[in-house]
C-alpha cells in the first residue's frame, strides 16, 4: 500500500513496491494523492507501469543527443538531420525536462521560429521533434506524452513552381561555363540535371560503374524513396556524359554538396537569374519531359516519383500549352 502523509502545505504519496524503484509525488490535496497512488499501483499490477522519474530528470537536449548518436546514423539523411538536431539543442526549449515539455512550450518555440524562417522549416522541425519523442516512448520506455500532437502546425506552403525559361537557361549555362577558377564540373552537372530530372544527391552519388552509354541507362542503386531506379539517358544526356573525364574515385561528379551549392549560387548571381534553386532544374526537366511522355506512368518511372500526387508537384504545364492541346 502507498503511504500518504502531509508535508507543509502539500500531500506526499510514496509507493514502495518490490521490483520497482520508489515513486514519490506531491499534490495539493489528499484525494489527488490517493487517486495517483491507486493508478500507479494498478499499472504496476498489470505490468503497464512506466516510471515518470526518468522523464522528470531527462532534458530535451539530452534526449536529442541520445537520438543523434544512436538513431540518426542509421538513416540515409543523417547529415541533414544532425544539423537540424543541433539547432534544436541550442533553443531555449531544449532546457526543459521531458515531463515539463508542454504543448505551450512547443507552441512558443513554433511562434518564435516563424519570426525567422519560413513555415516549411518549422514544419520539418516539429516533425523531427515529434519523431524523437515517439521513438523515446516506443523504444526507450519513457513515460511521456507527445506534446507535439496537440500543437497546430503552420499551414503547409504551396509547392514551388519555378521553371527556367529558354533565355534564363542560356544565361545560366554561360555563367557556369568553365573559365578561370570556376568549377569545371558545374556546367555538365546542371545540364545533366535538366536532361534527366535527377535529384542533386542522385547526381553527386552517380558512379561510372553504373552508367551504360551503349544502352543509354544510368542505374541509381539507392534513391530518396529507398528504391533503386534506372534512368533513361536522352541523346543530350549521353553527349554530356561522353564528354566528361573519368575521375579517380569513380564518381561522375567528384564534388561535394557544399561546393556545388556555393558554385551554383555564384553562377546564379552572375547570370542574373533570381529566385532559382538547383532543385528547380528538376522541376524544369519534369515539365519538359511531360510534353514528350504524356503517359504519367512512364513519366513517373523516369523521374522516380512513387505517387501521382508527388509528381503533380513537379509537373507545371503552362496554360498556353494546354490551350494548344485542346485545339
Foldseek 3Di string as FASTA:
>chain_A
DWDWDDDDQWIKIWDDDPPDDIDIDIDRDRVVNVVVVVVQVVCVVVVNDFDQPQQQVAFQLNLLVVCLVPPLVVDPCSVVVVVLSVVVSPDPRRRHRQQPNALVSLQVVLVVVVVPDPLVVSVVSLVSSQVSVVCCVPPVVHPHDRRSVVHDRPPDDAFDQDADDPLLVVLLLVLQPDDDPHDNLQNLLLQLCLQQLEDPVQLQQFFPVQADLVQQWGWRPADPVGHIAIAHGDPSNSVSQVPADQDPVRHSRPDDPVVNQVSSVVSCVSSVPPPDDSNSSSLNNLQVVCVVPVPVVVSCRRNVDPDVVVSVSSHDDDPVVVVVVVD
